[in-house]
């Protein structure tokens, strides 16, 4: 009776939990990476003017960008990384 219970209910349940865990690890990675990117960037207003980042070429909202004035010209950066790369160059 106990063997019947184990093979009939517990083994399939364990297989389903294992499959669920594998699928979450595969597809959960995509969600977490997109969440980290969106958490890294600030919220962008819908009607914002877009400016081009001089380092990576990404277009970024003027309202959400990191700005620096260099030689009288305002530069817009998409992230701290691009700003640091620009300063290093």
PDB file of N, CA and C in Angstrom:
ATOM      1  N   UNK A   1       0.809  -1.190   0.000  1.00  0.00           N
ATOM      2  CA  UNK A   1       0.000   0.000   0.000  1.00  0.00           C
ATOM      3  C   UNK A   1       0.858   1.261   0.000  1.00  0.00           C
ATOM      4  N   UNK A   2       1.918   1.262   0.808  1.00  0.00           N
ATOM      5  CA  UNK A   2       2.783   2.432   0.874  1.00  0.00           C
ATOM      6  C   UNK A   2       3.536   2.609  -0.440  1.00  0.00           C
ATOM      7  N   UNK A   3       3.999   1.501  -1.053  1.00  0.00           N
ATOM      8  CA  UNK A   3       4.670   1.593  -2.351  1.00  0.00           C
ATOM      9  C   UNK A   3       3.744   2.190  -3.394  1.00  0.00           C
ATOM     10  N   UNK A   4       2.504   1.773  -3.369  1.00  0.00           N
ATOM     11  CA  UNK A   4       1.525   2.313  -4.314  1.00  0.00           C
ATOM     12  C   UNK A   4       1.387   3.827  -4.126  1.00  0.00           C
ATOM     13  N   UNK A   5       1.304   4.259  -2.897  1.00  0.00           N
ATOM     14  CA  UNK A   5       1.193   5.688  -2.592  1.00  0.00           C
ATOM     15  C   UNK A   5       2.420   6.447  -3.078  1.00  0.00           C
ATOM     16  N   UNK A   6       3.591   5.901  -2.825  1.00  0.00           N
ATOM     17  CA  UNK A   6       4.835   6.566  -3.229  1.00  0.00           C
ATOM     18  C   UNK A   6       4.920   6.662  -4.745  1.00  0.00           C
ATOM     19  N   UNK A   7       4.710   5.572  -5.452  1.00  0.00           N
ATOM     20  CA  UNK A   7       4.856   5.590  -6.898  1.00  0.00           C
ATOM     21  C   UNK A   7       3.705   6.283  -7.602  1.00  0.00           C
ATOM     22  N   UNK A   8       2.562   6.275  -7.021  1.00  0.00           N
ATOM     23  CA  UNK A   8       1.386   6.872  -7.666  1.00  0.00           C
ATOM     24  C   UNK A   8       1.326   8.381  -7.474  1.00  0.00           C
ATOM     25  N   UNK A   9       1.763   8.898  -6.306  1.00  0.00           N
ATOM     26  CA  UNK A   9       1.590  10.312  -6.008  1.00  0.00           C
ATOM     27  C   UNK A   9       2.902  11.060  -5.762  1.00  0.00           C
ATOM     28  N   UNK A  10       3.765  10.510  -4.945  1.00  0.00           N
ATOM     29  CA  UNK A  10       4.952  11.252  -4.546  1.00  0.00           C
ATOM     30  C   UNK A  10       5.999  11.371  -5.655  1.00  0.00           C
ATOM     31  N   UNK A  11       6.239  10.312  -6.396  1.00  0.00           N
ATOM     32  CA  UNK A  11       7.229  10.371  -7.482  1.00  0.00           C
ATOM     33  C   UNK A  11       6.795  11.362  -8.568  1.00  0.00           C
ATOM     34  N   UNK A  12       5.562  11.325  -9.065  1.00  0.00           N
ATOM     35  CA  UNK A  12       5.163  12.345 -10.045  1.00  0.00           C
ATOM     36  C   UNK A  12       5.213  13.770  -9.486  1.00  0.00           C
ATOM     37  N   UNK A  13       4.878  13.931  -8.203  1.00  0.00           N
ATOM     38  CA  UNK A  13       4.950  15.247  -7.586  1.00  0.00           C
ATOM     39  C   UNK A  13       6.392  15.749  -7.545  1.00  0.00           C
ATOM     40  N   UNK A  14       7.316  14.899  -7.192  1.00  0.00           N
ATOM     41  CA  UNK A  14       8.725  15.276  -7.177  1.00  0.00           C
ATOM     42  C   UNK A  14       9.240  15.608  -8.579  1.00  0.00           C
ATOM     43  N   UNK A  15       8.797  14.863  -9.571  1.00  0.00           N
ATOM     44  CA  UNK A  15       9.200  15.137 -10.955  1.00  0.00           C
ATOM     45  C   UNK A  15       8.656  16.489 -11.415  1.00  0.00           C
ATOM     46  N   UNK A  16       7.415  16.792 -11.079  1.00  0.00           N
ATOM     47  CA  UNK A  16       6.840  18.086 -11.445  1.00  0.00           C
ATOM     48  C   UNK A  16       7.560  19.240 -10.754  1.00  0.00           C
ATOM     49  N   UNK A  17       7.883  19.079  -9.486  1.00  0.00           N
ATOM     50  CA  UNK A  17       8.611  20.128  -8.767  1.00  0.00           C
ATOM     51  C   UNK A  17      10.007  20.344  -9.348  1.00  0.00           C
ATOM     52  N   UNK A  18      10.668  19.267  -9.728  1.00  0.00           N
ATOM     53  CA  UNK A  18      11.976  19.373 -10.344  1.00  0.00           C
ATOM     54  C   UNK A  18      11.883  20.078 -11.695  1.00  0.00           C
ATOM     55  N   UNK A  19      10.895  19.712 -12.512  1.00  0.00           N
ATOM     56  CA  UNK A  19      10.706  20.358 -13.815  1.00  0.00           C
ATOM     57  C   UNK A  19      10.388  21.838 -13.635  1.00  0.00           C
ATOM     58  N   UNK A  20       9.573  22.163 -12.654  1.00  0.00           N
ATOM     59  CA  UNK A  20       9.233  23.564 -12.377  1.00  0.00           C
ATOM     60  C   UNK A  20      10.475  24.351 -11.985  1.00  0.00           C
ATOM     61  N   UNK A  21      11.302  23.757 -11.164  1.00  0.00           N
ATOM     62  CA  UNK A  21      12.531  24.414 -10.729  1.00  0.00           C
ATOM     63  C   UNK A  21      13.471  24.672 -11.900  1.00  0.00           C
ATOM     64  N   UNK A  22      13.605  23.694 -12.783  1.00  0.00           N
ATOM     65  CA  UNK A  22      14.472  23.850 -13.956  1.00  0.00           C
ATOM     66  C   UNK A  22      13.930  24.940 -14.880  1.00  0.00           C
ATOM     67  N   UNK A  23      12.632  24.941 -15.127  1.00  0.00           N
ATOM     68  CA  UNK A  23      12.044  25.956 -15.996  1.00  0.00           C
ATOM     69  C   UNK A  23      12.163  27.353 -15.394  1.00  0.00           C
ATOM     70  N   UNK A  24      11.983  27.475 -14.099  1.00  0.00           N
ATOM     71  CA  UNK A  24      12.136  28.784 -13.451  1.00  0.00           C
ATOM     72  C   UNK A  24      13.568  29.280 -13.541  1.00  0.00           C
ATOM     73  N   UNK A  25      14.520  28.377 -13.400  1.00  0.00           N
ATOM     74  CA  UNK A  25      15.913  28.809 -13.484  1.00  0.00           C
ATOM     75  C   UNK A  25      16.260  29.234 -14.909  1.00  0.00           C
ATOM     76  N   UNK A  26      15.677  28.575 -15.902  1.00  0.00           N
ATOM     77  CA  UNK A  26      15.940  28.954 -17.295  1.00  0.00           C
ATOM     78  C   UNK A  26      15.263  30.263 -17.662  1.00  0.00           C
ATOM     79  N   UNK A  27      13.981  30.383 -17.376  1.00  0.00           N
ATOM     80  CA  UNK A  27      13.224  31.557 -17.798  1.00  0.00           C
ATOM     81  C   UNK A  27      13.233  32.667 -16.759  1.00  0.00           C
ATOM     82  N   UNK A  28      13.505  32.361 -15.530  1.00  0.00           N
ATOM     83  CA  UNK A  28      13.588  33.380 -14.491  1.00  0.00           C
ATOM     84  C   UNK A  28      14.814  34.256 -14.668  1.00  0.00           C
ATOM     85  N   UNK A  29      15.876  33.723 -15.284  1.00  0.00           N
ATOM     86  CA  UNK A  29      17.082  34.495 -15.547  1.00  0.00           C
ATOM     87  C   UNK A  29      16.821  35.642 -16.491  1.00  0.00           C
ATOM     88  N   UNK A  30      15.943  35.434 -17.485  1.00  0.00           N
ATOM     89  CA  UNK A  30      15.623  36.503 -18.418  1.00  0.00           C
ATOM     90  C   UNK A  30      14.867  37.613 -17.714  1.00  0.00           C
ATOM     91  N   UNK A  31      13.960  37.269 -16.834  1.00  0.00           N
ATOM     92  CA  UNK A  31      13.188  38.278 -16.127  1.00  0.00           C
ATOM     93  C   UNK A  31      14.067  39.058 -15.167  1.00  0.00           C
ATOM     94  N   UNK A  32      14.960  38.382 -14.469  1.00  0.00           N
ATOM     95  CA  UNK A  32      15.783  39.098 -13.499  1.00  0.00           C
ATOM     96  C   UNK A  32      16.756  40.029 -14.184  1.00  0.00           C
ATOM     97  N   UNK A  33      17.279  39.641 -15.360  1.00  0.00           N
ATOM     98  CA  UNK A  33      18.192  40.543 -16.047  1.00  0.00           C
ATOM     99  C   UNK A  33      17.471  41.758 -16.582  1.00  0.00           C
ATOM    100  N   UNK A  34      16.246  41.584 -17.066  1.00  0.00           N
ATOM    101  CA  UNK A  34      15.511  42.757 -17.527  1.00  0.00           C
ATOM    102  C   UNK A  34      15.095  43.627 -16.367  1.00  0.00           C
ATOM    103  N   UNK A  35      14.807  43.034 -15.214  1.00  0.00           N
ATOM    104  CA  UNK A  35      14.482  43.831 -14.029  1.00  0.00           C
ATOM    105  C   UNK A  35      15.675  44.638 -13.571  1.00  0.00           C
ATOM    106  N   UNK A  36      16.864  44.033 -13.607  1.00  0.00           N
ATOM    107  CA  UNK A  36      18.033  44.763 -13.150  1.00  0.00           C
ATOM    108  C   UNK A  36      18.356  45.918 -14.084  1.00  0.00           C
ATOM    109  N   UNK A  37      18.146  45.737 -15.378  1.00  0.00           N
ATOM    110  CA  UNK A  37      18.365  46.844 -16.303  1.00  0.00           C
ATOM    111  C   UNK A  37      17.376  47.962 -16.067  1.00  0.00           C
ATOM    112  N   UNK A  38      16.105  47.617 -15.853  1.00  0.00           N
ATOM    113  CA  UNK A  38      15.115  48.661 -15.627  1.00  0.00           C
ATOM    114  C   UNK A  38      15.324  49.318 -14.277  1.00  0.00           C
ATOM    115  N   UNK A  39      15.837  48.580 -13.299  1.00  0.00           N
ATOM    116  CA  UNK A  39      16.116  49.176 -12.001  1.00  0.00           C
ATOM    117  C   UNK A  39      17.320  50.106 -12.088  1.00  0.00           C
ATOM    118  N   UNK A  40      18.244  49.788 -12.997  1.00  0.00           N
ATOM    119  CA  UNK A  40      19.436  50.606 -13.166  1.00  0.00           C
ATOM    120  C   UNK A  40      19.082  51.934 -13.822  1.00  0.00           C
ATOM    121  N   UNK A  41      18.138  51.943 -14.730  1.00  0.00           N
ATOM    122  CA  UNK A  41      17.724  53.159 -15.420  1.00  0.00           C
ATOM    123  C   UNK A  41      16.602  53.833 -14.649  1.00  0.00           C
ATOM    124  N   UNK A  42      16.462  55.115 -14.845  1.00  0.00           N
ATOM    125  CA  UNK A  42      15.387  55.842 -14.191  1.00  0.00           C
ATOM    126  C   UNK A  42      14.135  55.803 -15.048  1.00  0.00           C
ATOM    127  N   UNK A  43      12.994  56.132 -14.432  1.00  0.00           N
ATOM    128  CA  UNK A  43      11.742  56.182 -15.182  1.00  0.00           C
ATOM    129  C   UNK A  43      11.820  57.283 -16.225  1.00  0.00           C
ATOM    130  N   UNK A  44      11.335  56.971 -17.429  1.00  0.00           N
ATOM    131  CA  UNK A  44      11.418  57.907 -18.546  1.00  0.00           C
ATOM    132  C   UNK A  44      10.041  58.441 -18.848  1.00  0.00           C
ATOM    133  N   UNK A  45       9.864  59.750 -18.842  1.00  0.00           N
ATOM    134  CA  UNK A  45       8.577  60.316 -19.236  1.00  0.00           C
ATOM    135  C   UNK A  45       8.279  60.005 -20.699  1.00  0.00           C
ATOM    136  N   UNK A  46       6.994  59.842 -21.026  1.00  0.00           N
ATOM    137  CA  UNK A  46       6.601  59.418 -22.372  1.00  0.00           C
ATOM    138  C   UNK A  46       6.920  60.471 -23.434  1.00  0.00           C
ATOM    139  N   UNK A  47       6.835  61.746 -23.115  1.00  0.00           N
ATOM    140  CA  UNK A  47       7.019  62.781 -24.134  1.00  0.00           C
ATOM    141  C   UNK A  47       8.389  63.443 -24.060  1.00  0.00           C
ATOM    142  N   UNK A  48       9.385  62.752 -23.563  1.00  0.00           N
ATOM    143  CA  UNK A  48      10.705  63.340 -23.382  1.00  0.00           C
ATOM    144  C   UNK A  48      11.477  63.387 -24.701  1.00  0.00           C
ATOM    145  N   UNK A  49      12.335  64.384 -24.805  1.00  0.00           N
ATOM    146  CA  UNK A  49      13.210  64.520 -25.969  1.00  0.00           C
ATOM    147  C   UNK A  49      14.362  63.532 -25.815  1.00  0.00           C
ATOM    148  N   UNK A  50      14.760  62.886 -26.910  1.00  0.00           N
ATOM    149  CA  UNK A  50      15.836  61.911 -26.856  1.00  0.00           C
ATOM    150  C   UNK A  50      17.158  62.547 -27.249  1.00  0.00           C
ATOM    151  N   UNK A  51      18.202  62.190 -26.514  1.00  0.00           N
ATOM    152  CA  UNK A  51      19.557  62.651 -26.778  1.00  0.00           C
ATOM    153  C   UNK A  51      20.451  61.432 -26.950  1.00  0.00           C
ATOM    154  N   UNK A  52      21.501  61.581 -27.765  1.00  0.00           N
ATOM    155  CA  UNK A  52      22.392  60.464 -28.041  1.00  0.00           C
ATOM    156  C   UNK A  52      23.568  60.464 -27.061  1.00  0.00           C
ATOM    157  N   UNK A  53      23.800  59.310 -26.462  1.00  0.00           N
ATOM    158  CA  UNK A  53      24.939  59.133 -25.555  1.00  0.00           C
ATOM    159  C   UNK A  53      26.217  59.153 -26.403  1.00  0.00           C
ATOM    160  N   UNK A  54      27.215  59.993 -26.078  1.00  0.00           N
ATOM    161  CA  UNK A  54      28.425  60.078 -26.895  1.00  0.00           C
ATOM    162  C   UNK A  54      29.329  58.859 -26.793  1.00  0.00           C
ATOM    163  N   UNK A  55      29.137  58.010 -25.794  1.00  0.00           N
ATOM    164  CA  UNK A  55      30.007  56.851 -25.611  1.00  0.00           C
ATOM    165  C   UNK A  55      29.468  55.631 -26.351  1.00  0.00           C
ATOM    166  N   UNK A  56      28.239  55.238 -26.031  1.00  0.00           N
ATOM    167  CA  UNK A  56      27.701  53.993 -26.603  1.00  0.00           C
ATOM    168  C   UNK A  56      26.728  54.228 -27.756  1.00  0.00           C
ATOM    169  N   UNK A  57      26.272  55.463 -27.932  1.00  0.00           N
ATOM    170  CA  UNK A  57      25.373  55.765 -29.036  1.00  0.00           C
ATOM    171  C   UNK A  57      23.912  55.499 -28.746  1.00  0.00           C
ATOM    172  N   UNK A  58      23.593  55.122 -27.526  1.00  0.00           N
ATOM    173  CA  UNK A  58      22.214  54.862 -27.147  1.00  0.00           C
ATOM    174  C   UNK A  58      21.456  56.178 -27.031  1.00  0.00           C
ATOM    175  N   UNK A  59      20.207  56.169 -27.496  1.00  0.00           N
ATOM    176  CA  UNK A  59      19.362  57.344 -27.326  1.00  0.00           C
ATOM    177  C   UNK A  59      18.678  57.258 -25.970  1.00  0.00           C
ATOM    178  N   UNK A  60      18.779  58.332 -25.220  1.00  0.00           N
ATOM    179  CA  UNK A  60      18.250  58.363 -23.870  1.00  0.00           C
ATOM    180  C   UNK A  60      17.416  59.628 -23.691  1.00  0.00           C
ATOM    181  N   UNK A  61      16.400  59.544 -22.867  1.00  0.00           N
ATOM    182  CA  UNK A  61      15.546  60.686 -22.583  1.00  0.00           C
ATOM    183  C   UNK A  61      16.374  61.781 -21.936  1.00  0.00           C
ATOM    184  N   UNK A  62      16.195  62.992 -22.390  1.00  0.00           N
ATOM    185  CA  UNK A  62      16.929  64.121 -21.821  1.00  0.00           C
ATOM    186  C   UNK A  62      16.574  64.303 -20.347  1.00  0.00           C
ATOM    187  N   UNK A  63      15.351  64.003 -19.993  1.00  0.00           N
ATOM    188  CA  UNK A  63      14.915  64.146 -18.606  1.00  0.00           C
ATOM    189  C   UNK A  63      15.516  63.077 -17.702  1.00  0.00           C
ATOM    190  N   UNK A  64      15.772  61.891 -18.223  1.00  0.00           N
ATOM    191  CA  UNK A  64      16.262  60.784 -17.408  1.00  0.00           C
ATOM    192  C   UNK A  64      17.766  60.577 -17.533  1.00  0.00           C
ATOM    193  N   UNK A  65      18.431  61.338 -18.371  1.00  0.00           N
ATOM    194  CA  UNK A  65      19.855  61.123 -18.601  1.00  0.00           C
ATOM    195  C   UNK A  65      20.710  61.778 -17.527  1.00  0.00           C
ATOM    196  N   UNK A  66      21.937  61.321 -17.456  1.00  0.00           N
ATOM    197  CA  UNK A  66      22.938  61.968 -16.613  1.00  0.00           C
ATOM    198  C   UNK A  66      23.604  63.018 -17.487  1.00  0.00           C
ATOM    199  N   UNK A  67      23.609  64.263 -17.077  1.00  0.00           N
ATOM    200  CA  UNK A  67      24.142  65.329 -17.929  1.00  0.00           C
ATOM    201  C   UNK A  67      25.411  65.907 -17.326  1.00  0.00           C
ATOM    202  N   UNK A  68      26.320  66.283 -18.219  1.00  0.00           N
ATOM    203  CA  UNK A  68      27.532  66.988 -17.851  1.00  0.00           C
ATOM    204  C   UNK A  68      27.784  68.052 -18.908  1.00  0.00           C
ATOM    205  N   UNK A  69      28.268  69.201 -18.485  1.00  0.00           N
ATOM    206  CA  UNK A  69      28.617  70.270 -19.413  1.00  0.00           C
ATOM    207  C   UNK A  69      30.115  70.209 -19.639  1.00  0.00           C
ATOM    208  N   UNK A  70      30.499  70.002 -20.901  1.00  0.00           N
ATOM    209  CA  UNK A  70      31.906  69.905 -21.275  1.00  0.00           C
ATOM    210  C   UNK A  70      32.166  70.929 -22.370  1.00  0.00           C
ATOM    211  N   UNK A  71      33.071  71.865 -22.118  1.00  0.00           N
ATOM    212  CA  UNK A  71      33.420  72.932 -23.069  1.00  0.00           C
ATOM    213  C   UNK A  71      32.178  73.674 -23.544  1.00  0.00           C
ATOM    214  N   UNK A  72      31.258  73.938 -22.623  1.00  0.00           N
ATOM    215  CA  UNK A  72      30.054  74.691 -22.940  1.00  0.00           C
ATOM    216  C   UNK A  72      28.960  73.882 -23.622  1.00  0.00           C
ATOM    217  N   UNK A  73      29.182  72.609 -23.850  1.00  0.00           N
ATOM    218  CA  UNK A  73      28.197  71.739 -24.509  1.00  0.00           C
ATOM    219  C   UNK A  73      27.646  70.750 -23.485  1.00  0.00           C
ATOM    220  N   UNK A  74      26.325  70.584 -23.449  1.00  0.00           N
ATOM    221  CA  UNK A  74      25.693  69.648 -22.530  1.00  0.00           C
ATOM    222  C   UNK A  74      25.676  68.263 -23.158  1.00  0.00           C
ATOM    223  N   UNK A  75      26.285  67.303 -22.467  1.00  0.00           N
ATOM    224  CA  UNK A  75      26.313  65.917 -22.931  1.00  0.00           C
ATOM    225  C   UNK A  75      25.370  65.091 -22.066  1.00  0.00           C
ATOM    226  N   UNK A  76      24.698  64.154 -22.700  1.00  0.00           N
ATOM    227  CA  UNK A  76      23.736  63.288 -22.015  1.00  0.00           C
ATOM    228  C   UNK A  76      24.260  61.856 -22.045  1.00  0.00           C
ATOM    229  N   UNK A  77      24.293  61.228 -20.856  1.00  0.00           N
ATOM    230  CA  UNK A  77      24.784  59.856 -20.739  1.00  0.00           C
ATOM    231  C   UNK A  77      23.668  58.948 -20.262  1.00  0.00           C
ATOM    232  N   UNK A  78      23.659  57.719 -20.764  1.00  0.00           N
ATOM    233  CA  UNK A  78      22.597  56.770 -20.407  1.00  0.00           C
ATOM    234  C   UNK A  78      22.831  56.131 -19.049  1.00  0.00           C
ATOM    235  N   UNK A  79      24.085  56.046 -18.602  1.00  0.00           N
ATOM    236  CA  UNK A  79      24.374  55.374 -17.328  1.00  0.00           C
ATOM    237  C   UNK A  79      25.665  55.915 -16.729  1.00  0.00           C
ATOM    238  N   UNK A  80      25.905  55.535 -15.490  1.00  0.00           N
ATOM    239  CA  UNK A  80      27.148  55.907 -14.813  1.00  0.00           C
ATOM    240  C   UNK A  80      28.352  55.298 -15.518  1.00  0.00           C
ATOM    241  N   UNK A  81      28.172  54.085 -16.055  1.00  0.00           N
ATOM    242  CA  UNK A  81      29.264  53.402 -16.747  1.00  0.00           C
ATOM    243  C   UNK A  81      29.745  54.219 -17.938  1.00  0.00           C
ATOM    244  N   UNK A  82      28.819  54.727 -18.742  1.00  0.00           N
ATOM    245  CA  UNK A  82      29.198  55.527 -19.910  1.00  0.00           C
ATOM    246  C   UNK A  82      29.849  56.838 -19.477  1.00  0.00           C
ATOM    247  N   UNK A  83      29.356  57.413 -18.407  1.00  0.00           N
ATOM    248  CA  UNK A  83      29.948  58.644 -17.895  1.00  0.00           C
ATOM    249  C   UNK A  83      31.384  58.400 -17.449  1.00  0.00           C
ATOM    250  N   UNK A  84      31.619  57.298 -16.758  1.00  0.00           N
ATOM    251  CA  UNK A  84      32.973  56.951 -16.308  1.00  0.00           C
ATOM    252  C   UNK A  84      33.898  56.673 -17.482  1.00  0.00           C
ATOM    253  N   UNK A  85      33.379  55.996 -18.513  1.00  0.00           N
ATOM    254  CA  UNK A  85      34.179  55.731 -19.708  1.00  0.00           C
ATOM    255  C   UNK A  85      34.547  57.027 -20.410  1.00  0.00           C
ATOM    256  N   UNK A  86      33.624  57.969 -20.467  1.00  0.00           N
ATOM    257  CA  UNK A  86      33.894  59.257 -21.095  1.00  0.00           C
ATOM    258  C   UNK A  86      34.954  60.023 -20.320  1.00  0.00           C
ATOM    259  N   UNK A  87      34.860  59.997 -19.001  1.00  0.00           N
ATOM    260  CA  UNK A  87      35.859  60.682 -18.182  1.00  0.00           C
ATOM    261  C   UNK A  87      37.228  60.063 -18.327  1.00  0.00           C
ATOM    262  N   UNK A  88      37.284  58.731 -18.489  1.00  0.00           N
ATOM    263  CA  UNK A  88      38.561  58.044 -18.609  1.00  0.00           C
ATOM    264  C   UNK A  88      39.235  58.293 -19.957  1.00  0.00           C
ATOM    265  N   UNK A  89      38.437  58.591 -20.963  1.00  0.00           N
ATOM    266  CA  UNK A  89      39.005  58.769 -22.322  1.00  0.00           C
ATOM    267  C   UNK A  89      39.637  60.121 -22.519  1.00  0.00           C
TER     268      UNK A  89
END
